[in-house]
Amino acid sequence: MNRFKQTPGQRLGVFTCTADFEEMGDSAQIFSVAGFWGDIAPGMDHPSSELGSYRGKWNTKDPLLSPIHADLTKFPPTLLIAGTRDAVLSSTCLFHRALRRAGADAELFIFEAMPHAHWYTFYLPEAHEVIEITVRFFKERLGK
């Protein structure tokens, strides 16, 4: 991430992330994007893989694609949110640990029994909680 100039006030919200296109962790082998129902996402080299299309021919160790490979000591304050039935739960947790090891300001919230991007299901109480957490995180850090 050193290719970009950091500016004051940078903050980052990451909601169910894939921070490492080399290693997505075991949850990607267990859950579909919808949780327990649906097909497991095909491997990145499969022709129908959305992640493979996103990655393209890019070097999977390039920090612009896989920020876990960046110098995380200067990473902006980061909020990470996932559910226990999210296909990228492992990746989100691994990225949080990498940020914390680097001394970065990072918060992680995991919601029980929630699938990928559950906050878009607005009738769920957990979606409202994500909104409250997000507002608090940015208010606290943008005020600094």
N, C-alpha and C. Protein backbone atom coordinates (compact mmCIF):
# COMPACT_ATOMS: atom_id res chain seq x y z
N MET A 1 0.81 -1.18 0.00
CA MET A 1 0.00 0.00 0.00
C MET A 1 0.87 1.26 0.00
N ASN A 2 2.15 1.10 0.02
CA ASN A 2 3.05 2.25 0.05
C ASN A 2 3.03 3.04 -1.25
N ARG A 3 2.35 2.55 -2.28
CA ARG A 3 2.29 3.27 -3.55
C ARG A 3 1.40 4.50 -3.48
N PHE A 4 0.58 4.58 -2.45
CA PHE A 4 -0.35 5.67 -2.33
C PHE A 4 -0.01 6.54 -1.14
N LYS A 5 -0.18 7.82 -1.31
CA LYS A 5 0.06 8.76 -0.22
C LYS A 5 -1.10 8.66 0.77
N GLN A 6 -0.76 8.50 2.03
CA GLN A 6 -1.80 8.49 3.05
C GLN A 6 -2.14 9.92 3.40
N THR A 7 -3.41 10.15 3.60
CA THR A 7 -3.86 11.49 3.95
C THR A 7 -4.52 11.45 5.32
N PRO A 8 -4.49 12.57 6.03
CA PRO A 8 -5.16 12.60 7.34
C PRO A 8 -6.65 12.30 7.18
N GLY A 9 -7.18 11.59 8.15
CA GLY A 9 -8.60 11.29 8.14
C GLY A 9 -8.96 10.00 7.43
N GLN A 10 -7.97 9.25 6.93
CA GLN A 10 -8.30 7.99 6.28
C GLN A 10 -8.84 7.01 7.31
N ARG A 11 -9.94 6.37 6.96
CA ARG A 11 -10.54 5.32 7.76
C ARG A 11 -11.05 4.28 6.79
N LEU A 12 -11.20 3.04 7.26
CA LEU A 12 -11.61 1.97 6.37
C LEU A 12 -12.62 1.08 7.06
N GLY A 13 -13.71 0.78 6.37
CA GLY A 13 -14.69 -0.20 6.82
C GLY A 13 -14.61 -1.39 5.88
N VAL A 14 -14.37 -2.56 6.43
CA VAL A 14 -14.27 -3.77 5.62
C VAL A 14 -15.35 -4.73 6.12
N PHE A 15 -16.24 -5.08 5.24
CA PHE A 15 -17.35 -5.94 5.63
C PHE A 15 -17.26 -7.23 4.83
N THR A 16 -16.94 -8.32 5.52
CA THR A 16 -16.69 -9.63 4.93
C THR A 16 -15.70 -9.53 3.79
N CYS A 17 -14.45 -9.49 4.14
CA CYS A 17 -13.42 -9.21 3.14
C CYS A 17 -12.66 -10.45 2.70
N THR A 18 -12.08 -10.32 1.54
CA THR A 18 -11.07 -11.26 1.06
C THR A 18 -9.79 -10.46 1.00
N ALA A 19 -9.01 -10.53 2.05
CA ALA A 19 -7.78 -9.73 2.13
C ALA A 19 -6.57 -10.47 1.59
N ASP A 20 -6.76 -11.75 1.25
CA ASP A 20 -5.65 -12.55 0.75
C ASP A 20 -6.17 -13.50 -0.32
N PHE A 21 -5.88 -13.20 -1.56
CA PHE A 21 -6.34 -14.04 -2.65
C PHE A 21 -5.52 -15.32 -2.77
N GLU A 22 -4.50 -15.49 -1.94
CA GLU A 22 -3.74 -16.74 -1.90
C GLU A 22 -4.39 -17.73 -0.94
N GLU A 23 -4.87 -17.23 0.19
CA GLU A 23 -5.39 -18.09 1.26
C GLU A 23 -6.65 -17.49 1.83
N MET A 24 -7.79 -18.09 1.51
CA MET A 24 -9.06 -17.57 2.00
C MET A 24 -9.53 -18.26 3.28
N GLY A 25 -8.82 -19.28 3.72
CA GLY A 25 -9.18 -19.95 4.96
C GLY A 25 -10.24 -21.02 4.76
N ASP A 26 -10.57 -21.71 5.85
CA ASP A 26 -11.45 -22.87 5.73
C ASP A 26 -12.92 -22.52 5.56
N SER A 27 -13.37 -21.36 5.99
CA SER A 27 -14.80 -21.05 5.86
C SER A 27 -15.23 -21.02 4.40
N ALA A 28 -14.33 -20.68 3.50
CA ALA A 28 -14.66 -20.67 2.07
C ALA A 28 -14.89 -22.09 1.54
N GLN A 29 -14.40 -23.09 2.27
CA GLN A 29 -14.60 -24.48 1.88
C GLN A 29 -15.86 -25.07 2.52
N ILE A 30 -16.45 -24.35 3.47
CA ILE A 30 -17.59 -24.87 4.23
C ILE A 30 -18.90 -24.19 3.82
N PHE A 31 -18.86 -22.87 3.68
CA PHE A 31 -20.09 -22.10 3.46
C PHE A 31 -20.19 -21.58 2.04
N SER A 32 -21.43 -21.42 1.61
CA SER A 32 -21.68 -20.70 0.37
C SER A 32 -21.79 -19.22 0.73
N VAL A 33 -21.97 -18.38 -0.24
CA VAL A 33 -22.17 -16.96 0.05
C VAL A 33 -23.42 -16.77 0.90
N ALA A 34 -24.41 -17.65 0.74
CA ALA A 34 -25.66 -17.54 1.49
C ALA A 34 -25.62 -18.27 2.84
N GLY A 35 -24.52 -18.84 3.20
CA GLY A 35 -24.42 -19.56 4.47
C GLY A 35 -24.42 -21.05 4.22
N PHE A 36 -25.36 -21.78 4.85
CA PHE A 36 -25.40 -23.23 4.70
C PHE A 36 -26.08 -23.69 3.41
N TRP A 37 -26.91 -22.84 2.81
CA TRP A 37 -27.62 -23.26 1.60
C TRP A 37 -26.91 -22.70 0.37
N GLY A 38 -27.11 -23.38 -0.73
CA GLY A 38 -26.47 -22.93 -1.97
C GLY A 38 -25.16 -23.66 -2.21
N ASP A 39 -24.62 -23.44 -3.37
CA ASP A 39 -23.38 -24.11 -3.76
C ASP A 39 -22.17 -23.37 -3.21
N ILE A 40 -21.15 -24.15 -2.83
CA ILE A 40 -19.88 -23.57 -2.43
C ILE A 40 -19.30 -22.88 -3.67
N ALA A 41 -18.71 -21.73 -3.47
CA ALA A 41 -18.13 -21.00 -4.60
C ALA A 41 -17.04 -21.85 -5.25
N PRO A 42 -17.01 -21.85 -6.58
CA PRO A 42 -15.96 -22.63 -7.25
C PRO A 42 -14.58 -22.01 -6.98
N GLY A 43 -13.55 -22.81 -7.14
CA GLY A 43 -12.18 -22.32 -6.96
C GLY A 43 -11.87 -21.16 -7.90
N MET A 44 -10.90 -20.35 -7.54
CA MET A 44 -10.60 -19.15 -8.32
C MET A 44 -10.16 -19.44 -9.74
N ASP A 45 -9.69 -20.64 -10.00
CA ASP A 45 -9.26 -20.98 -11.35
C ASP A 45 -10.39 -21.55 -12.20
N HIS A 46 -11.55 -21.74 -11.60
CA HIS A 46 -12.72 -22.25 -12.34
C HIS A 46 -13.27 -21.13 -13.23
N PRO A 47 -13.69 -21.45 -14.46
CA PRO A 47 -14.18 -20.41 -15.38
C PRO A 47 -15.37 -19.59 -14.85
N SER A 48 -16.18 -20.18 -13.95
CA SER A 48 -17.34 -19.44 -13.45
C SER A 48 -17.07 -18.71 -12.12
N SER A 49 -15.83 -18.68 -11.67
CA SER A 49 -15.50 -18.06 -10.39
C SER A 49 -15.55 -16.53 -10.48
N GLU A 50 -16.40 -15.93 -9.65
CA GLU A 50 -16.46 -14.46 -9.58
C GLU A 50 -15.15 -13.89 -9.04
N LEU A 51 -14.61 -14.53 -8.00
CA LEU A 51 -13.35 -14.06 -7.44
C LEU A 51 -12.21 -14.21 -8.44
N GLY A 52 -12.25 -15.30 -9.20
CA GLY A 52 -11.24 -15.49 -10.23
C GLY A 52 -11.32 -14.41 -11.30
N SER A 53 -12.54 -14.03 -11.67
CA SER A 53 -12.72 -12.95 -12.65
C SER A 53 -12.22 -11.63 -12.09
N TYR A 54 -12.48 -11.38 -10.82
CA TYR A 54 -12.02 -10.16 -10.17
C TYR A 54 -10.50 -10.13 -10.13
N ARG A 55 -9.91 -11.26 -9.76
CA ARG A 55 -8.45 -11.36 -9.65
C ARG A 55 -7.78 -11.26 -11.02
N GLY A 56 -8.37 -11.90 -12.01
CA GLY A 56 -7.77 -11.89 -13.34
C GLY A 56 -6.37 -12.47 -13.31
N LYS A 57 -5.46 -11.83 -13.99
CA LYS A 57 -4.06 -12.28 -14.05
C LYS A 57 -3.20 -11.58 -13.00
N TRP A 58 -3.82 -10.81 -12.13
CA TRP A 58 -3.10 -10.04 -11.12
C TRP A 58 -2.30 -10.95 -10.21
N ASN A 59 -1.14 -10.50 -9.77
CA ASN A 59 -0.31 -11.22 -8.80
C ASN A 59 -1.05 -11.25 -7.47
N THR A 60 -1.35 -12.45 -6.97
CA THR A 60 -2.15 -12.56 -5.74
C THR A 60 -1.42 -12.06 -4.50
N LYS A 61 -0.13 -11.82 -4.59
CA LYS A 61 0.63 -11.27 -3.46
C LYS A 61 0.73 -9.74 -3.54
N ASP A 62 0.20 -9.14 -4.59
CA ASP A 62 0.23 -7.68 -4.72
C ASP A 62 -0.69 -7.07 -3.66
N PRO A 63 -0.19 -6.18 -2.83
CA PRO A 63 -1.00 -5.58 -1.76
C PRO A 63 -2.25 -4.84 -2.25
N LEU A 64 -2.27 -4.42 -3.50
CA LEU A 64 -3.48 -3.76 -4.01
C LEU A 64 -4.62 -4.76 -4.19
N LEU A 65 -4.29 -6.02 -4.42
CA LEU A 65 -5.29 -7.07 -4.52
C LEU A 65 -5.49 -7.77 -3.18
N SER A 66 -4.40 -8.06 -2.52
CA SER A 66 -4.41 -8.79 -1.24
C SER A 66 -3.72 -7.93 -0.19
N PRO A 67 -4.47 -7.03 0.45
CA PRO A 67 -3.83 -6.09 1.38
C PRO A 67 -3.12 -6.74 2.56
N ILE A 68 -3.38 -8.00 2.83
CA ILE A 68 -2.69 -8.67 3.93
C ILE A 68 -1.18 -8.73 3.67
N HIS A 69 -0.77 -8.57 2.41
CA HIS A 69 0.65 -8.60 2.04
C HIS A 69 1.29 -7.21 2.07
N ALA A 70 0.53 -6.21 2.49
CA ALA A 70 1.05 -4.83 2.55
C ALA A 70 1.79 -4.61 3.87
N ASP A 71 2.47 -3.48 3.95
CA ASP A 71 3.03 -3.02 5.21
C ASP A 71 1.85 -2.48 6.01
N LEU A 72 1.35 -3.26 6.93
CA LEU A 72 0.13 -2.91 7.66
C LEU A 72 0.39 -1.98 8.84
N THR A 73 1.63 -1.63 9.10
CA THR A 73 1.94 -0.75 10.24
C THR A 73 1.36 0.64 10.03
N LYS A 74 1.14 1.02 8.80
CA LYS A 74 0.57 2.35 8.51
C LYS A 74 -0.85 2.25 7.95
N PHE A 75 -1.48 1.10 8.11
CA PHE A 75 -2.82 0.90 7.59
C PHE A 75 -3.79 1.77 8.39
N PRO A 76 -4.79 2.34 7.73
CA PRO A 76 -5.73 3.21 8.45
C PRO A 76 -6.58 2.41 9.44
N PRO A 77 -7.16 3.08 10.43
CA PRO A 77 -8.08 2.39 11.34
C PRO A 77 -9.13 1.63 10.53
N THR A 78 -9.37 0.39 10.93
CA THR A 78 -10.18 -0.51 10.10
C THR A 78 -11.24 -1.21 10.94
N LEU A 79 -12.45 -1.23 10.42
CA LEU A 79 -13.57 -1.96 11.01
C LEU A 79 -13.86 -3.16 10.12
N LEU A 80 -13.87 -4.35 10.71
CA LEU A 80 -14.14 -5.58 9.97
C LEU A 80 -15.38 -6.25 10.55
N ILE A 81 -16.30 -6.67 9.67
CA ILE A 81 -17.55 -7.28 10.11
C ILE A 81 -17.83 -8.51 9.25
N ALA A 82 -18.24 -9.60 9.90
CA ALA A 82 -18.59 -10.83 9.20
C ALA A 82 -19.61 -11.60 10.05
N GLY A 83 -20.09 -12.70 9.52
CA GLY A 83 -20.99 -13.59 10.24
C GLY A 83 -20.36 -14.96 10.37
N THR A 84 -20.87 -15.77 11.31
CA THR A 84 -20.30 -17.10 11.53
C THR A 84 -20.61 -18.06 10.39
N ARG A 85 -21.51 -17.69 9.49
CA ARG A 85 -21.81 -18.53 8.32
C ARG A 85 -21.42 -17.83 7.02
N ASP A 86 -20.42 -17.00 7.10
CA ASP A 86 -19.93 -16.24 5.95
C ASP A 86 -18.77 -16.98 5.30
N ALA A 87 -18.82 -17.13 3.99
CA ALA A 87 -17.76 -17.83 3.27
C ALA A 87 -16.40 -17.17 3.46
N VAL A 88 -16.37 -15.87 3.75
CA VAL A 88 -15.08 -15.20 3.94
C VAL A 88 -14.82 -14.84 5.41
N LEU A 89 -15.48 -15.55 6.33
CA LEU A 89 -15.23 -15.35 7.75
C LEU A 89 -13.75 -15.57 8.08
N SER A 90 -13.19 -16.67 7.61
CA SER A 90 -11.78 -16.96 7.92
C SER A 90 -10.87 -15.86 7.40
N SER A 91 -11.09 -15.43 6.18
CA SER A 91 -10.26 -14.37 5.59
C SER A 91 -10.37 -13.07 6.39
N THR A 92 -11.57 -12.75 6.82
CA THR A 92 -11.78 -11.55 7.63
C THR A 92 -11.02 -11.65 8.95
N CYS A 93 -11.10 -12.81 9.61
CA CYS A 93 -10.40 -13.02 10.88
C CYS A 93 -8.88 -12.99 10.70
N LEU A 94 -8.40 -13.62 9.64
CA LEU A 94 -6.95 -13.63 9.39
C LEU A 94 -6.43 -12.21 9.14
N PHE A 95 -7.21 -11.41 8.42
CA PHE A 95 -6.80 -10.04 8.15
C PHE A 95 -6.80 -9.22 9.44
N HIS A 96 -7.81 -9.41 10.27
CA HIS A 96 -7.85 -8.70 11.56
C HIS A 96 -6.62 -9.03 12.39
N ARG A 97 -6.27 -10.30 12.47
CA ARG A 97 -5.08 -10.70 13.24
C ARG A 97 -3.82 -10.07 12.66
N ALA A 98 -3.71 -10.04 11.34
CA ALA A 98 -2.52 -9.43 10.70
C ALA A 98 -2.46 -7.94 11.03
N LEU A 99 -3.59 -7.27 10.99
CA LEU A 99 -3.62 -5.84 11.33
C LEU A 99 -3.19 -5.62 12.78
N ARG A 100 -3.71 -6.43 13.69
CA ARG A 100 -3.37 -6.27 15.10
C ARG A 100 -1.89 -6.58 15.37
N ARG A 101 -1.37 -7.61 14.71
CA ARG A 101 0.06 -7.93 14.87
C ARG A 101 0.92 -6.77 14.41
N ALA A 102 0.46 -6.04 13.41
CA ALA A 102 1.21 -4.90 12.88
C ALA A 102 1.02 -3.64 13.73
N GLY A 103 0.16 -3.72 14.74
CA GLY A 103 -0.08 -2.57 15.60
C GLY A 103 -1.14 -1.62 15.06
N ALA A 104 -1.87 -2.04 14.04
CA ALA A 104 -2.91 -1.19 13.45
C ALA A 104 -4.15 -1.17 14.35
N ASP A 105 -4.88 -0.07 14.28
CA ASP A 105 -6.16 0.08 14.96
C ASP A 105 -7.20 -0.69 14.15
N ALA A 106 -7.66 -1.82 14.70
CA ALA A 106 -8.62 -2.66 13.97
C ALA A 106 -9.63 -3.25 14.94
N GLU A 107 -10.90 -3.18 14.55
CA GLU A 107 -11.98 -3.79 15.33
C GLU A 107 -12.63 -4.85 14.48
N LEU A 108 -12.99 -5.97 15.13
CA LEU A 108 -13.63 -7.08 14.45
C LEU A 108 -14.93 -7.42 15.16
N PHE A 109 -16.01 -7.52 14.40
CA PHE A 109 -17.31 -7.93 14.92
C PHE A 109 -17.78 -9.13 14.11
N ILE A 110 -18.10 -10.22 14.81
CA ILE A 110 -18.60 -11.44 14.18
C ILE A 110 -20.02 -11.67 14.71
N PHE A 111 -20.96 -11.85 13.80
CA PHE A 111 -22.35 -12.04 14.17
C PHE A 111 -22.76 -13.50 14.03
N GLU A 112 -23.29 -14.05 15.11
CA GLU A 112 -23.71 -15.44 15.17
C GLU A 112 -24.78 -15.74 14.11
N ALA A 113 -24.55 -16.84 13.37
CA ALA A 113 -25.49 -17.41 12.40
C ALA A 113 -25.79 -16.50 11.20
N MET A 114 -24.99 -15.46 11.00
CA MET A 114 -25.24 -14.56 9.88
C MET A 114 -24.40 -14.95 8.67
N PRO A 115 -25.00 -14.90 7.47
CA PRO A 115 -24.26 -15.20 6.24
C PRO A 115 -23.52 -13.98 5.71
N HIS A 116 -22.94 -14.13 4.56
CA HIS A 116 -22.21 -13.06 3.88
C HIS A 116 -23.12 -11.85 3.67
N ALA A 117 -22.62 -10.68 4.02
CA ALA A 117 -23.31 -9.39 3.79
C ALA A 117 -24.71 -9.35 4.40
N HIS A 118 -24.85 -9.88 5.61
CA HIS A 118 -26.16 -9.93 6.25
C HIS A 118 -26.76 -8.55 6.54
N TRP A 119 -25.95 -7.52 6.58
CA TRP A 119 -26.45 -6.17 6.91
C TRP A 119 -27.33 -5.61 5.81
N TYR A 120 -27.34 -6.24 4.64
CA TYR A 120 -28.25 -5.79 3.58
C TYR A 120 -29.67 -6.31 3.78
N THR A 121 -29.85 -7.22 4.72
CA THR A 121 -31.17 -7.74 5.04
C THR A 121 -31.71 -6.88 6.18
N PHE A 122 -32.27 -5.74 5.80
CA PHE A 122 -32.57 -4.66 6.74
C PHE A 122 -33.57 -5.02 7.84
N TYR A 123 -34.39 -6.04 7.65
CA TYR A 123 -35.35 -6.39 8.69
C TYR A 123 -34.70 -7.16 9.84
N LEU A 124 -33.45 -7.59 9.69
CA LEU A 124 -32.76 -8.31 10.76
C LEU A 124 -32.25 -7.34 11.82
N PRO A 125 -32.43 -7.67 13.09
CA PRO A 125 -31.86 -6.82 14.15
C PRO A 125 -30.34 -6.69 14.02
N GLU A 126 -29.67 -7.73 13.53
CA GLU A 126 -28.23 -7.69 13.36
C GLU A 126 -27.81 -6.66 12.32
N ALA A 127 -28.64 -6.44 11.32
CA ALA A 127 -28.34 -5.41 10.31
C ALA A 127 -28.36 -4.03 10.94
N HIS A 128 -29.33 -3.80 11.81
CA HIS A 128 -29.39 -2.51 12.51
C HIS A 128 -28.19 -2.34 13.43
N GLU A 129 -27.77 -3.43 14.07
CA GLU A 129 -26.60 -3.36 14.94
C GLU A 129 -25.33 -3.03 14.16
N VAL A 130 -25.20 -3.61 12.96
CA VAL A 130 -24.04 -3.30 12.11
C VAL A 130 -24.03 -1.81 11.78
N ILE A 131 -25.18 -1.25 11.45
CA ILE A 131 -25.27 0.18 11.13
C ILE A 131 -24.84 1.01 12.34
N GLU A 132 -25.30 0.65 13.52
CA GLU A 132 -24.92 1.38 14.74
C GLU A 132 -23.42 1.27 15.00
N ILE A 133 -22.86 0.08 14.85
CA ILE A 133 -21.42 -0.11 15.05
C ILE A 133 -20.63 0.73 14.05
N THR A 134 -21.06 0.72 12.80
CA THR A 134 -20.37 1.47 11.74
C THR A 134 -20.39 2.96 12.02
N VAL A 135 -21.54 3.48 12.38
CA VAL A 135 -21.66 4.91 12.69
C VAL A 135 -20.76 5.28 13.85
N ARG A 136 -20.78 4.47 14.92
CA ARG A 136 -19.92 4.75 16.08
C ARG A 136 -18.45 4.73 15.70
N PHE A 137 -18.03 3.70 14.94
CA PHE A 137 -16.63 3.57 14.54
C PHE A 137 -16.15 4.81 13.79
N PHE A 138 -16.90 5.24 12.80
CA PHE A 138 -16.47 6.39 12.00
C PHE A 138 -16.60 7.70 12.76
N LYS A 139 -17.63 7.85 13.58
CA LYS A 139 -17.73 9.08 14.38
C LYS A 139 -16.54 9.23 15.32
N GLU A 140 -16.18 8.12 15.99
CA GLU A 140 -15.07 8.17 16.93
C GLU A 140 -13.75 8.47 16.24
N ARG A 141 -13.52 7.90 15.08
CA ARG A 141 -12.22 8.05 14.44
C ARG A 141 -12.11 9.27 13.54
N LEU A 142 -13.21 9.72 13.01
CA LEU A 142 -13.14 10.92 12.17
C LEU A 142 -13.07 12.19 13.02
N GLY A 143 -13.45 12.05 14.28
CA GLY A 143 -13.37 13.18 15.19
C GLY A 143 -11.97 13.43 15.72
N LYS A 144 -11.06 12.48 15.47
CA LYS A 144 -9.66 12.60 15.97
C LYS A 144 -8.85 13.52 15.10
